[in-house]
Amino acid sequence: MPALALADSGDGKTACNVGEICFARDDATVRYQKHFWYGASHDNYYFWDTVENDPDGSELKNNADQVRNRDRTCDVKVIDDRGLLPDDVQTIPNNGVWTPLKDSVDNENDRHERVC
C-alpha cells in the first residue's frame, strides 16, 4: 500500500467526486484542492488549482482548512501529529459536505486515515 499511497491523486479530476477524500486550502473557497482514495501522510503532496487546472505549489501538510469526505463507506480522521504529546484529531463524517477543520487541526494537518 505505501507505493499506492504515494501516487494517490484520487481520480485525477478537478471535481471532488464520489469515493474521494478531498482537502481544500482556504475557508471561503474550495479552489485549491487535493484528493485521495486512501489514507496518507501529507508530506510531499500539493494543492491543485481547480479553476486554472494547474498545480498550485502550496504543500498540503499543515495548510488544509476544509475536508469533504465522499468515501463510499468510511469516516476520515484528520491528524495533527504532536510527537510526544497526544495527537489532535478530528473525525469527518461520511456525508459529502465540506467541513471546516477545528482550530487544533486547522493548518496543522499531518495525515489522514480512513475509519471503517
PDB file of N, CA and C in Angstrom:
ATOM      1  N   MET A   1       0.798  -1.209   0.000  1.00  0.00           N
ATOM      2  CA  MET A   1       0.000   0.000   0.000  1.00  0.00           C
ATOM      3  C   MET A   1       0.841   1.275   0.000  1.00  0.00           C
ATOM      4  N   PRO A   2       2.025   1.377   0.609  1.00  0.00           N
ATOM      5  CA  PRO A   2       2.761   2.636   0.582  1.00  0.00           C
ATOM      6  C   PRO A   2       3.024   3.161  -0.822  1.00  0.00           C
ATOM      7  N   ALA A   3       3.407   2.314  -1.762  1.00  0.00           N
ATOM      8  CA  ALA A   3       3.658   2.801  -3.116  1.00  0.00           C
ATOM      9  C   ALA A   3       2.380   3.359  -3.716  1.00  0.00           C
ATOM     10  N   LEU A   4       1.274   2.688  -3.465  1.00  0.00           N
ATOM     11  CA  LEU A   4      -0.007   3.161  -3.951  1.00  0.00           C
ATOM     12  C   LEU A   4      -0.360   4.495  -3.309  1.00  0.00           C
ATOM     13  N   ALA A   5      -0.163   4.606  -2.019  1.00  0.00           N
ATOM     14  CA  ALA A   5      -0.494   5.846  -1.314  1.00  0.00           C
ATOM     15  C   ALA A   5       0.346   7.013  -1.818  1.00  0.00           C
ATOM     16  N   LEU A   6       1.615   6.776  -2.145  1.00  0.00           N
ATOM     17  CA  LEU A   6       2.472   7.854  -2.629  1.00  0.00           C
ATOM     18  C   LEU A   6       1.986   8.408  -3.960  1.00  0.00           C
ATOM     19  N   ALA A   7       1.300   7.591  -4.732  1.00  0.00           N
ATOM     20  CA  ALA A   7       0.814   8.020  -6.034  1.00  0.00           C
ATOM     21  C   ALA A   7      -0.653   8.430  -5.989  1.00  0.00           C
ATOM     22  N   ASP A   8      -1.237   8.539  -4.806  1.00  0.00           N
ATOM     23  CA  ASP A   8      -2.669   8.761  -4.662  1.00  0.00           C
ATOM     24  C   ASP A   8      -3.061  10.178  -5.063  1.00  0.00           C
ATOM     25  N   SER A   9      -3.852  10.276  -6.119  1.00  0.00           N
ATOM     26  CA  SER A   9      -4.395  11.563  -6.566  1.00  0.00           C
ATOM     27  C   SER A   9      -5.892  11.455  -6.795  1.00  0.00           C
ATOM     28  N   GLY A  10      -6.550  10.553  -6.069  1.00  0.00           N
ATOM     29  CA  GLY A  10      -7.971  10.350  -6.310  1.00  0.00           C
ATOM     30  C   GLY A  10      -8.169   9.923  -7.749  1.00  0.00           C
ATOM     31  N   ASP A  11      -9.230  10.431  -8.385  1.00  0.00           N
ATOM     32  CA  ASP A  11      -9.471  10.054  -9.778  1.00  0.00           C
ATOM     33  C   ASP A  11      -8.745  10.967 -10.767  1.00  0.00           C
ATOM     34  N   GLY A  12      -7.994  11.949 -10.249  1.00  0.00           N
ATOM     35  CA  GLY A  12      -7.204  12.825 -11.109  1.00  0.00           C
ATOM     36  C   GLY A  12      -7.988  13.962 -11.743  1.00  0.00           C
ATOM     37  N   LYS A  13      -9.279  14.074 -11.439  1.00  0.00           N
ATOM     38  CA  LYS A  13     -10.108  15.146 -11.991  1.00  0.00           C
ATOM     39  C   LYS A  13     -10.203  16.297 -10.997  1.00  0.00           C
ATOM     40  N   THR A  14     -10.588  17.482 -11.471  1.00  0.00           N
ATOM     41  CA  THR A  14     -10.618  18.657 -10.603  1.00  0.00           C
ATOM     42  C   THR A  14     -11.772  18.642  -9.612  1.00  0.00           C
ATOM     43  N   ALA A  15     -12.878  17.979  -9.929  1.00  0.00           N
ATOM     44  CA  ALA A  15     -14.022  17.922  -9.009  1.00  0.00           C
ATOM     45  C   ALA A  15     -13.770  16.888  -7.923  1.00  0.00           C
ATOM     46  N   CYS A  16     -14.338  17.134  -6.753  1.00  0.00           N
ATOM     47  CA  CYS A  16     -14.282  16.164  -5.655  1.00  0.00           C
ATOM     48  C   CYS A  16     -15.401  15.158  -5.890  1.00  0.00           C
ATOM     49  N   ASN A  17     -15.051  13.992  -6.403  1.00  0.00           N
ATOM     50  CA  ASN A  17     -16.041  13.017  -6.843  1.00  0.00           C
ATOM     51  C   ASN A  17     -16.281  11.915  -5.819  1.00  0.00           C
ATOM     52  N   VAL A  18     -17.347  11.160  -6.043  1.00  0.00           N
ATOM     53  CA  VAL A  18     -17.721  10.059  -5.151  1.00  0.00           C
ATOM     54  C   VAL A  18     -16.545   9.105  -4.996  1.00  0.00           C
ATOM     55  N   GLY A  19     -16.273   8.733  -3.752  1.00  0.00           N
ATOM     56  CA  GLY A  19     -15.184   7.822  -3.436  1.00  0.00           C
ATOM     57  C   GLY A  19     -13.929   8.531  -2.959  1.00  0.00           C
ATOM     58  N   GLU A  20     -13.851   9.848  -3.158  1.00  0.00           N
ATOM     59  CA  GLU A  20     -12.637  10.590  -2.816  1.00  0.00           C
ATOM     60  C   GLU A  20     -12.719  11.259  -1.443  1.00  0.00           C
ATOM     61  N   ILE A  21     -11.555  11.498  -0.873  1.00  0.00           N
ATOM     62  CA  ILE A  21     -11.375  12.294   0.336  1.00  0.00           C
ATOM     63  C   ILE A  21     -10.672  13.563  -0.135  1.00  0.00           C
ATOM     64  N   CYS A  22     -11.320  14.723   0.039  1.00  0.00           N
ATOM     65  CA  CYS A  22     -10.829  15.955  -0.572  1.00  0.00           C
ATOM     66  C   CYS A  22     -10.500  17.004   0.483  1.00  0.00           C
ATOM     67  N   PHE A  23      -9.361  17.638   0.308  1.00  0.00           N
ATOM     68  CA  PHE A  23      -8.907  18.708   1.196  1.00  0.00           C
ATOM     69  C   PHE A  23      -8.910  20.014   0.414  1.00  0.00           C
ATOM     70  N   ALA A  24      -9.261  21.111   1.088  1.00  0.00           N
ATOM     71  CA  ALA A  24      -9.211  22.442   0.483  1.00  0.00           C
ATOM     72  C   ALA A  24      -8.391  23.358   1.379  1.00  0.00           C
ATOM     73  N   ARG A  25      -7.742  24.329   0.740  1.00  0.00           N
ATOM     74  CA  ARG A  25      -6.793  25.184   1.446  1.00  0.00           C
ATOM     75  C   ARG A  25      -7.432  26.374   2.146  1.00  0.00           C
ATOM     76  N   ASP A  26      -8.446  26.997   1.577  1.00  0.00           N
ATOM     77  CA  ASP A  26      -8.981  28.243   2.121  1.00  0.00           C
ATOM     78  C   ASP A  26     -10.393  28.047   2.657  1.00  0.00           C
ATOM     79  N   ASP A  27     -10.717  28.743   3.751  1.00  0.00           N
ATOM     80  CA  ASP A  27     -12.045  28.633   4.356  1.00  0.00           C
ATOM     81  C   ASP A  27     -13.151  29.104   3.425  1.00  0.00           C
ATOM     82  N   ALA A  28     -12.937  30.194   2.726  1.00  0.00           N
ATOM     83  CA  ALA A  28     -14.001  30.824   1.946  1.00  0.00           C
ATOM     84  C   ALA A  28     -14.180  30.233   0.549  1.00  0.00           C
ATOM     85  N   THR A  29     -13.285  29.375   0.121  1.00  0.00           N
ATOM     86  CA  THR A  29     -13.350  28.838  -1.233  1.00  0.00           C
ATOM     87  C   THR A  29     -12.805  27.411  -1.245  1.00  0.00           C
ATOM     88  N   VAL A  30     -13.148  26.679  -2.276  1.00  0.00           N
ATOM     89  CA  VAL A  30     -12.582  25.333  -2.443  1.00  0.00           C
ATOM     90  C   VAL A  30     -11.793  25.272  -3.756  1.00  0.00           C
ATOM     91  N   ARG A  31     -11.254  26.401  -4.173  1.00  0.00           N
ATOM     92  CA  ARG A  31     -10.490  26.483  -5.420  1.00  0.00           C
ATOM     93  C   ARG A  31      -9.254  25.594  -5.386  1.00  0.00           C
ATOM     94  N   TYR A  32      -8.531  25.587  -4.268  1.00  0.00           N
ATOM     95  CA  TYR A  32      -7.284  24.827  -4.167  1.00  0.00           C
ATOM     96  C   TYR A  32      -7.557  23.543  -3.398  1.00  0.00           C
ATOM     97  N   GLN A  33      -7.416  22.397  -4.085  1.00  0.00           N
ATOM     98  CA  GLN A  33      -7.794  21.118  -3.502  1.00  0.00           C
ATOM     99  C   GLN A  33      -6.720  20.060  -3.701  1.00  0.00           C
ATOM    100  N   LYS A  34      -6.820  19.014  -2.892  1.00  0.00           N
ATOM    101  CA  LYS A  34      -6.032  17.785  -3.055  1.00  0.00           C
ATOM    102  C   LYS A  34      -6.962  16.633  -2.740  1.00  0.00           C
ATOM    103  N   HIS A  35      -6.983  15.617  -3.608  1.00  0.00           N
ATOM    104  CA  HIS A  35      -7.895  14.484  -3.471  1.00  0.00           C
ATOM    105  C   HIS A  35      -7.125  13.188  -3.234  1.00  0.00           C
ATOM    106  N   PHE A  36      -7.739  12.287  -2.483  1.00  0.00           N
ATOM    107  CA  PHE A  36      -7.165  10.968  -2.190  1.00  0.00           C
ATOM    108  C   PHE A  36      -8.244   9.896  -2.295  1.00  0.00           C
ATOM    109  N   TRP A  37      -7.790   8.653  -2.542  1.00  0.00           N
ATOM    110  CA  TRP A  37      -8.647   7.475  -2.378  1.00  0.00           C
ATOM    111  C   TRP A  37      -8.432   6.860  -1.001  1.00  0.00           C
ATOM    112  N   TYR A  38      -7.226   6.972  -0.486  1.00  0.00           N
ATOM    113  CA  TYR A  38      -6.818   6.242   0.717  1.00  0.00           C
ATOM    114  C   TYR A  38      -6.324   7.206   1.791  1.00  0.00           C
ATOM    115  N   GLY A  39      -5.973   6.666   2.954  1.00  0.00           N
ATOM    116  CA  GLY A  39      -5.295   7.442   3.981  1.00  0.00           C
ATOM    117  C   GLY A  39      -3.870   7.722   3.537  1.00  0.00           C
ATOM    118  N   ALA A  40      -3.271   8.803   4.064  1.00  0.00           N
ATOM    119  CA  ALA A  40      -1.908   9.149   3.644  1.00  0.00           C
ATOM    120  C   ALA A  40      -1.282  10.146   4.607  1.00  0.00           C
ATOM    121  N   SER A  41       0.042  10.109   4.657  1.00  0.00           N
ATOM    122  CA  SER A  41       0.799  11.199   5.258  1.00  0.00           C
ATOM    123  C   SER A  41       0.708  12.369   4.283  1.00  0.00           C
ATOM    124  N   HIS A  42       0.698  13.585   4.763  1.00  0.00           N
ATOM    125  CA  HIS A  42       0.537  14.742   3.883  1.00  0.00           C
ATOM    126  C   HIS A  42       1.853  15.321   3.387  1.00  0.00           C
ATOM    127  N   ASP A  43       2.967  14.681   3.733  1.00  0.00           N
ATOM    128  CA  ASP A  43       4.263  15.112   3.211  1.00  0.00           C
ATOM    129  C   ASP A  43       4.301  14.951   1.696  1.00  0.00           C
ATOM    130  N   ASN A  44       4.862  15.922   1.008  1.00  0.00           N
ATOM    131  CA  ASN A  44       5.116  15.859  -0.436  1.00  0.00           C
ATOM    132  C   ASN A  44       3.858  15.776  -1.293  1.00  0.00           C
ATOM    133  N   TYR A  45       2.738  16.238  -0.771  1.00  0.00           N
ATOM    134  CA  TYR A  45       1.521  16.396  -1.569  1.00  0.00           C
ATOM    135  C   TYR A  45       1.214  17.887  -1.656  1.00  0.00           C
ATOM    136  N   TYR A  46       0.681  18.309  -2.804  1.00  0.00           N
ATOM    137  CA  TYR A  46       0.458  19.738  -3.054  1.00  0.00           C
ATOM    138  C   TYR A  46      -0.967  19.977  -3.537  1.00  0.00           C
ATOM    139  N   PHE A  47      -1.454  21.179  -3.272  1.00  0.00           N
ATOM    140  CA  PHE A  47      -2.792  21.552  -3.730  1.00  0.00           C
ATOM    141  C   PHE A  47      -2.797  21.773  -5.239  1.00  0.00           C
ATOM    142  N   TRP A  48      -3.989  21.601  -5.818  1.00  0.00           N
ATOM    143  CA  TRP A  48      -4.229  21.784  -7.235  1.00  0.00           C
ATOM    144  C   TRP A  48      -5.219  22.935  -7.394  1.00  0.00           C
ATOM    145  N   ASP A  49      -4.959  23.840  -8.322  1.00  0.00           N
ATOM    146  CA  ASP A  49      -5.871  24.944  -8.610  1.00  0.00           C
ATOM    147  C   ASP A  49      -6.968  24.406  -9.526  1.00  0.00           C
ATOM    148  N   THR A  50      -8.182  24.249  -8.994  1.00  0.00           N
ATOM    149  CA  THR A  50      -9.272  23.643  -9.757  1.00  0.00           C
ATOM    150  C   THR A  50      -9.859  24.598 -10.793  1.00  0.00           C
ATOM    151  N   VAL A  51      -9.563  25.896 -10.709  1.00  0.00           N
ATOM    152  CA  VAL A  51     -10.049  26.862 -11.693  1.00  0.00           C
ATOM    153  C   VAL A  51      -9.107  26.902 -12.898  1.00  0.00           C
ATOM    154  N   GLU A  52      -7.821  27.032 -12.638  1.00  0.00           N
ATOM    155  CA  GLU A  52      -6.821  27.101 -13.706  1.00  0.00           C
ATOM    156  C   GLU A  52      -6.382  25.712 -14.175  1.00  0.00           C
ATOM    157  N   ASN A  53      -6.805  24.662 -13.448  1.00  0.00           N
ATOM    158  CA  ASN A  53      -6.418  23.277 -13.741  1.00  0.00           C
ATOM    159  C   ASN A  53      -4.899  23.148 -13.817  1.00  0.00           C
ATOM    160  N   ASP A  54      -4.258  23.622 -12.747  1.00  0.00           N
ATOM    161  CA  ASP A  54      -2.802  23.702 -12.681  1.00  0.00           C
ATOM    162  C   ASP A  54      -2.332  23.423 -11.255  1.00  0.00           C
ATOM    163  N   PRO A  55      -1.101  22.931 -11.089  1.00  0.00           N
ATOM    164  CA  PRO A  55      -0.584  22.790  -9.724  1.00  0.00           C
ATOM    165  C   PRO A  55      -0.477  24.157  -9.059  1.00  0.00           C
ATOM    166  N   ASP A  56      -0.804  24.198  -7.780  1.00  0.00           N
ATOM    167  CA  ASP A  56      -0.755  25.461  -7.037  1.00  0.00           C
ATOM    168  C   ASP A  56       0.613  25.697  -6.417  1.00  0.00           C
ATOM    169  N   GLY A  57       1.304  24.634  -6.017  1.00  0.00           N
ATOM    170  CA  GLY A  57       2.615  24.769  -5.401  1.00  0.00           C
ATOM    171  C   GLY A  57       2.585  24.856  -3.892  1.00  0.00           C
ATOM    172  N   SER A  58       1.390  24.984  -3.301  1.00  0.00           N
ATOM    173  CA  SER A  58       1.275  25.029  -1.842  1.00  0.00           C
ATOM    174  C   SER A  58       1.189  23.613  -1.294  1.00  0.00           C
ATOM    175  N   GLU A  59       2.011  23.325  -0.309  1.00  0.00           N
ATOM    176  CA  GLU A  59       2.024  21.983   0.273  1.00  0.00           C
ATOM    177  C   GLU A  59       0.755  21.739   1.083  1.00  0.00           C
ATOM    178  N   LEU A  60       0.220  20.530   0.984  1.00  0.00           N
ATOM    179  CA  LEU A  60      -0.969  20.140   1.741  1.00  0.00           C
ATOM    180  C   LEU A  60      -0.691  20.113   3.239  1.00  0.00           C
ATOM    181  N   LYS A  61       0.465  19.564   3.629  1.00  0.00           N
ATOM    182  CA  LYS A  61       0.776  19.409   5.053  1.00  0.00           C
ATOM    183  C   LYS A  61       0.720  20.762   5.764  1.00  0.00           C
ATOM    184  N   ASN A  62      -0.052  20.801   6.843  1.00  0.00           N
ATOM    185  CA  ASN A  62      -0.212  21.989   7.692  1.00  0.00           C
ATOM    186  C   ASN A  62      -0.840  23.182   6.978  1.00  0.00           C
ATOM    187  N   ASN A  63      -1.588  22.930   5.900  1.00  0.00           N
ATOM    188  CA  ASN A  63      -2.228  24.023   5.164  1.00  0.00           C
ATOM    189  C   ASN A  63      -3.693  23.783   4.827  1.00  0.00           C
ATOM    190  N   ALA A  64      -4.284  22.680   5.264  1.00  0.00           N
ATOM    191  CA  ALA A  64      -5.686  22.403   4.940  1.00  0.00           C
ATOM    192  C   ALA A  64      -6.614  23.124   5.909  1.00  0.00           C
ATOM    193  N   ASP A  65      -7.727  23.610   5.373  1.00  0.00           N
ATOM    194  CA  ASP A  65      -8.746  24.283   6.175  1.00  0.00           C
ATOM    195  C   ASP A  65     -10.081  23.540   6.174  1.00  0.00           C
ATOM    196  N   GLN A  66     -10.334  22.725   5.129  1.00  0.00           N
ATOM    197  CA  GLN A  66     -11.609  22.021   4.999  1.00  0.00           C
ATOM    198  C   GLN A  66     -11.379  20.623   4.447  1.00  0.00           C
ATOM    199  N   VAL A  67     -12.321  19.743   4.740  1.00  0.00           N
ATOM    200  CA  VAL A  67     -12.294  18.385   4.195  1.00  0.00           C
ATOM    201  C   VAL A  67     -13.702  18.031   3.725  1.00  0.00           C
ATOM    202  N   ARG A  68     -13.766  17.378   2.587  1.00  0.00           N
ATOM    203  CA  ARG A  68     -15.032  16.824   2.095  1.00  0.00           C
ATOM    204  C   ARG A  68     -14.837  15.321   1.978  1.00  0.00           C
ATOM    205  N   ASN A  69     -15.598  14.585   2.744  1.00  0.00           N
ATOM    206  CA  ASN A  69     -15.469  13.133   2.760  1.00  0.00           C
ATOM    207  C   ASN A  69     -16.530  12.519   1.862  1.00  0.00           C
ATOM    208  N   ARG A  70     -16.098  12.072   0.679  1.00  0.00           N
ATOM    209  CA  ARG A  70     -17.003  11.391  -0.248  1.00  0.00           C
ATOM    210  C   ARG A  70     -16.621   9.921  -0.387  1.00  0.00           C
ATOM    211  N   ASP A  71     -15.841   9.424   0.582  1.00  0.00           N
ATOM    212  CA  ASP A  71     -15.520   7.998   0.644  1.00  0.00           C
ATOM    213  C   ASP A  71     -16.836   7.219   0.609  1.00  0.00           C
ATOM    214  N   ARG A  72     -16.825   6.070  -0.001  1.00  0.00           N
ATOM    215  CA  ARG A  72     -18.069   5.306  -0.150  1.00  0.00           C
ATOM    216  C   ARG A  72     -18.556   4.677   1.154  1.00  0.00           C
ATOM    217  N   THR A  73     -17.649   4.419   2.107  1.00  0.00           N
ATOM    218  CA  THR A  73     -18.073   3.697   3.310  1.00  0.00           C
ATOM    219  C   THR A  73     -17.503   4.223   4.619  1.00  0.00           C
ATOM    220  N   CYS A  74     -16.423   4.948   4.600  1.00  0.00           N
ATOM    221  CA  CYS A  74     -15.690   5.250   5.837  1.00  0.00           C
ATOM    222  C   CYS A  74     -15.754   6.723   6.227  1.00  0.00           C
ATOM    223  N   ASP A  75     -15.641   6.979   7.528  1.00  0.00           N
ATOM    224  CA  ASP A  75     -15.340   8.317   8.022  1.00  0.00           C
ATOM    225  C   ASP A  75     -13.842   8.541   7.818  1.00  0.00           C
ATOM    226  N   VAL A  76     -13.392   9.770   7.993  1.00  0.00           N
ATOM    227  CA  VAL A  76     -11.978  10.102   7.825  1.00  0.00           C
ATOM    228  C   VAL A  76     -11.496  10.841   9.066  1.00  0.00           C
ATOM    229  N   LYS A  77     -10.363  10.408   9.565  1.00  0.00           N
ATOM    230  CA  LYS A  77      -9.747  11.037  10.729  1.00  0.00           C
ATOM    231  C   LYS A  77      -8.570  11.882  10.241  1.00  0.00           C
ATOM    232  N   VAL A  78      -8.605  13.205  10.511  1.00  0.00           N
ATOM    233  CA  VAL A  78      -7.509  14.120  10.180  1.00  0.00           C
ATOM    234  C   VAL A  78      -6.688  14.304  11.452  1.00  0.00           C
ATOM    235  N   ILE A  79      -5.365  14.167  11.322  1.00  0.00           N
ATOM    236  CA  ILE A  79      -4.498  14.082  12.494  1.00  0.00           C
ATOM    237  C   ILE A  79      -3.396  15.134  12.455  1.00  0.00           C
ATOM    238  N   ASP A  80      -3.237  15.810  13.584  1.00  0.00           N
ATOM    239  CA  ASP A  80      -2.070  16.656  13.841  1.00  0.00           C
ATOM    240  C   ASP A  80      -1.163  15.834  14.744  1.00  0.00           C
ATOM    241  N   ASP A  81      -0.066  15.330  14.192  1.00  0.00           N
ATOM    242  CA  ASP A  81       0.886  14.510  14.947  1.00  0.00           C
ATOM    243  C   ASP A  81       1.721  15.429  15.827  1.00  0.00           C
ATOM    244  N   ARG A  82       1.550  15.308  17.136  1.00  0.00           N
ATOM    245  CA  ARG A  82       2.205  16.217  18.078  1.00  0.00           C
ATOM    246  C   ARG A  82       3.400  15.584  18.771  1.00  0.00           C
ATOM    247  N   GLY A  83       3.962  14.538  18.174  1.00  0.00           N
ATOM    248  CA  GLY A  83       5.164  13.916  18.737  1.00  0.00           C
ATOM    249  C   GLY A  83       4.880  13.217  20.050  1.00  0.00           C
ATOM    250  N   LEU A  84       5.517  13.641  21.137  1.00  0.00           N
ATOM    251  CA  LEU A  84       5.342  13.010  22.442  1.00  0.00           C
ATOM    252  C   LEU A  84       3.997  13.346  23.078  1.00  0.00           C
ATOM    253  N   LEU A  85       3.383  14.430  22.657  1.00  0.00           N
ATOM    254  CA  LEU A  85       2.073  14.814  23.176  1.00  0.00           C
ATOM    255  C   LEU A  85       0.981  14.029  22.456  1.00  0.00           C
ATOM    256  N   PRO A  86      -0.192  13.908  23.053  1.00  0.00           N
ATOM    257  CA  PRO A  86      -1.290  13.232  22.346  1.00  0.00           C
ATOM    258  C   PRO A  86      -1.631  13.978  21.049  1.00  0.00           C
ATOM    259  N   ASP A  87      -1.924  13.213  20.005  1.00  0.00           N
ATOM    260  CA  ASP A  87      -2.290  13.809  18.720  1.00  0.00           C
ATOM    261  C   ASP A  87      -3.604  14.572  18.845  1.00  0.00           C
ATOM    262  N   ASP A  88      -3.747  15.636  18.064  1.00  0.00           N
ATOM    263  CA  ASP A  88      -5.042  16.286  17.882  1.00  0.00           C
ATOM    264  C   ASP A  88      -5.706  15.607  16.698  1.00  0.00           C
ATOM    265  N   VAL A  89      -6.988  15.306  16.847  1.00  0.00           N
ATOM    266  CA  VAL A  89      -7.701  14.529  15.834  1.00  0.00           C
ATOM    267  C   VAL A  89      -9.078  15.142  15.601  1.00  0.00           C
ATOM    268  N   GLN A  90      -9.514  15.110  14.342  1.00  0.00           N
ATOM    269  CA  GLN A  90     -10.897  15.449  14.014  1.00  0.00           C
ATOM    270  C   GLN A  90     -11.414  14.392  13.063  1.00  0.00           C
ATOM    271  N   THR A  91     -12.560  13.819  13.383  1.00  0.00           N
ATOM    272  CA  THR A  91     -13.177  12.825  12.514  1.00  0.00           C
ATOM    273  C   THR A  91     -14.224  13.514  11.645  1.00  0.00           C
ATOM    274  N   ILE A  92     -14.093  13.317  10.341  1.00  0.00           N
ATOM    275  CA  ILE A  92     -15.003  13.907   9.361  1.00  0.00           C
ATOM    276  C   ILE A  92     -15.991  12.825   8.938  1.00  0.00           C
ATOM    277  N   PRO A  93     -17.294  13.049   9.144  1.00  0.00           N
ATOM    278  CA  PRO A  93     -18.274  12.023   8.783  1.00  0.00           C
ATOM    279  C   PRO A  93     -18.357  11.822   7.277  1.00  0.00           C
ATOM    280  N   ASN A  94     -18.838  10.667   6.921  1.00  0.00           N
ATOM    281  CA  ASN A  94     -19.011  10.306   5.521  1.00  0.00           C
ATOM    282  C   ASN A  94     -20.342  10.889   5.035  1.00  0.00           C
ATOM    283  N   ASN A  95     -20.379  12.225   4.866  1.00  0.00           N
ATOM    284  CA  ASN A  95     -21.633  12.874   4.474  1.00  0.00           C
ATOM    285  C   ASN A  95     -21.517  13.720   3.202  1.00  0.00           C
ATOM    286  N   GLY A  96     -20.324  13.808   2.621  1.00  0.00           N
ATOM    287  CA  GLY A  96     -20.143  14.539   1.371  1.00  0.00           C
ATOM    288  C   GLY A  96     -20.164  16.052   1.487  1.00  0.00           C
ATOM    289  N   VAL A  97     -20.147  16.580   2.713  1.00  0.00           N
ATOM    290  CA  VAL A  97     -20.232  18.023   2.949  1.00  0.00           C
ATOM    291  C   VAL A  97     -18.844  18.585   3.248  1.00  0.00           C
ATOM    292  N   TRP A  98     -18.524  19.762   2.684  1.00  0.00           N
ATOM    293  CA  TRP A  98     -17.278  20.435   3.056  1.00  0.00           C
ATOM    294  C   TRP A  98     -17.364  20.798   4.530  1.00  0.00           C
ATOM    295  N   THR A  99     -16.398  20.333   5.316  1.00  0.00           N
ATOM    296  CA  THR A  99     -16.389  20.521   6.766  1.00  0.00           C
ATOM    297  C   THR A  99     -15.137  21.291   7.164  1.00  0.00           C
ATOM    298  N   PRO A 100     -15.296  22.443   7.833  1.00  0.00           N
ATOM    299  CA  PRO A 100     -14.115  23.173   8.305  1.00  0.00           C
ATOM    300  C   PRO A 100     -13.367  22.357   9.354  1.00  0.00           C
ATOM    301  N   LEU A 101     -12.054  22.426   9.319  1.00  0.00           N
ATOM    302  CA  LEU A 101     -11.258  21.762  10.346  1.00  0.00           C
ATOM    303  C   LEU A 101     -11.276  22.604  11.613  1.00  0.00           C
ATOM    304  N   LYS A 102     -11.394  21.937  12.754  1.00  0.00           N
ATOM    305  CA  LYS A 102     -11.406  22.657  14.033  1.00  0.00           C
ATOM    306  C   LYS A 102     -10.032  23.267  14.280  1.00  0.00           C
ATOM    307  N   ASP A 103      -9.980  24.234  15.170  1.00  0.00           N
ATOM    308  CA  ASP A 103      -8.753  25.007  15.402  1.00  0.00           C
ATOM    309  C   ASP A 103      -7.522  24.154  15.674  1.00  0.00           C
ATOM    310  N   SER A 104      -7.661  23.064  16.422  1.00  0.00           N
ATOM    311  CA  SER A 104      -6.489  22.262  16.788  1.00  0.00           C
ATOM    312  C   SER A 104      -5.922  21.464  15.614  1.00  0.00           C
ATOM    313  N   VAL A 105      -6.691  21.314  14.541  1.00  0.00           N
ATOM    314  CA  VAL A 105      -6.236  20.562  13.365  1.00  0.00           C
ATOM    315  C   VAL A 105      -6.105  21.481  12.145  1.00  0.00           C
ATOM    316  N   ASP A 106      -6.847  22.587  12.114  1.00  0.00           N
ATOM    317  CA  ASP A 106      -6.814  23.542  11.008  1.00  0.00           C
ATOM    318  C   ASP A 106      -5.384  24.048  10.807  1.00  0.00           C
ATOM    319  N   ASN A 107      -4.865  23.858   9.607  1.00  0.00           N
ATOM    320  CA  ASN A 107      -3.486  24.235   9.262  1.00  0.00           C
ATOM    321  C   ASN A 107      -2.448  23.521  10.124  1.00  0.00           C
ATOM    322  N   GLU A 108      -2.826  22.398  10.690  1.00  0.00           N
ATOM    323  CA  GLU A 108      -1.907  21.556  11.467  1.00  0.00           C
ATOM    324  C   GLU A 108      -2.019  20.099  11.020  1.00  0.00           C
ATOM    325  N   ASN A 109      -2.573  19.872   9.845  1.00  0.00           N
ATOM    326  CA  ASN A 109      -2.826  18.516   9.360  1.00  0.00           C
ATOM    327  C   ASN A 109      -1.536  17.844   8.902  1.00  0.00           C
ATOM    328  N   ASP A 110      -1.246  16.690   9.494  1.00  0.00           N
ATOM    329  CA  ASP A 110      -0.061  15.916   9.113  1.00  0.00           C
ATOM    330  C   ASP A 110      -0.410  14.679   8.294  1.00  0.00           C
ATOM    331  N   ARG A 111      -1.604  14.127   8.535  1.00  0.00           N
ATOM    332  CA  ARG A 111      -2.012  12.923   7.804  1.00  0.00           C
ATOM    333  C   ARG A 111      -3.510  12.719   7.993  1.00  0.00           C
ATOM    334  N   HIS A 112      -4.051  11.760   7.236  1.00  0.00           N
ATOM    335  CA  HIS A 112      -5.438  11.362   7.439  1.00  0.00           C
ATOM    336  C   HIS A 112      -5.546   9.852   7.292  1.00  0.00           C
ATOM    337  N   GLU A 113      -6.556   9.291   7.941  1.00  0.00           N
ATOM    338  CA  GLU A 113      -6.799   7.847   7.916  1.00  0.00           C
ATOM    339  C   GLU A 113      -8.283   7.599   7.702  1.00  0.00           C
ATOM    340  N   ARG A 114      -8.584   6.539   6.962  1.00  0.00           N
ATOM    341  CA  ARG A 114      -9.973   6.098   6.829  1.00  0.00           C
ATOM    342  C   ARG A 114     -10.351   5.343   8.095  1.00  0.00           C
ATOM    343  N   VAL A 115     -11.561   5.577   8.597  1.00  0.00           N
ATOM    344  CA  VAL A 115     -12.072   4.914   9.794  1.00  0.00           C
ATOM    345  C   VAL A 115     -13.313   4.140   9.378  1.00  0.00           C
ATOM    346  N   CYS A 116     -13.140   2.817   9.205  1.00  0.00           N
ATOM    347  CA  CYS A 116     -14.255   1.981   8.726  1.00  0.00           C
ATOM    348  C   CYS A 116     -14.779   1.070   9.828  1.00  0.00           C
TER     349      CYS A 116
END
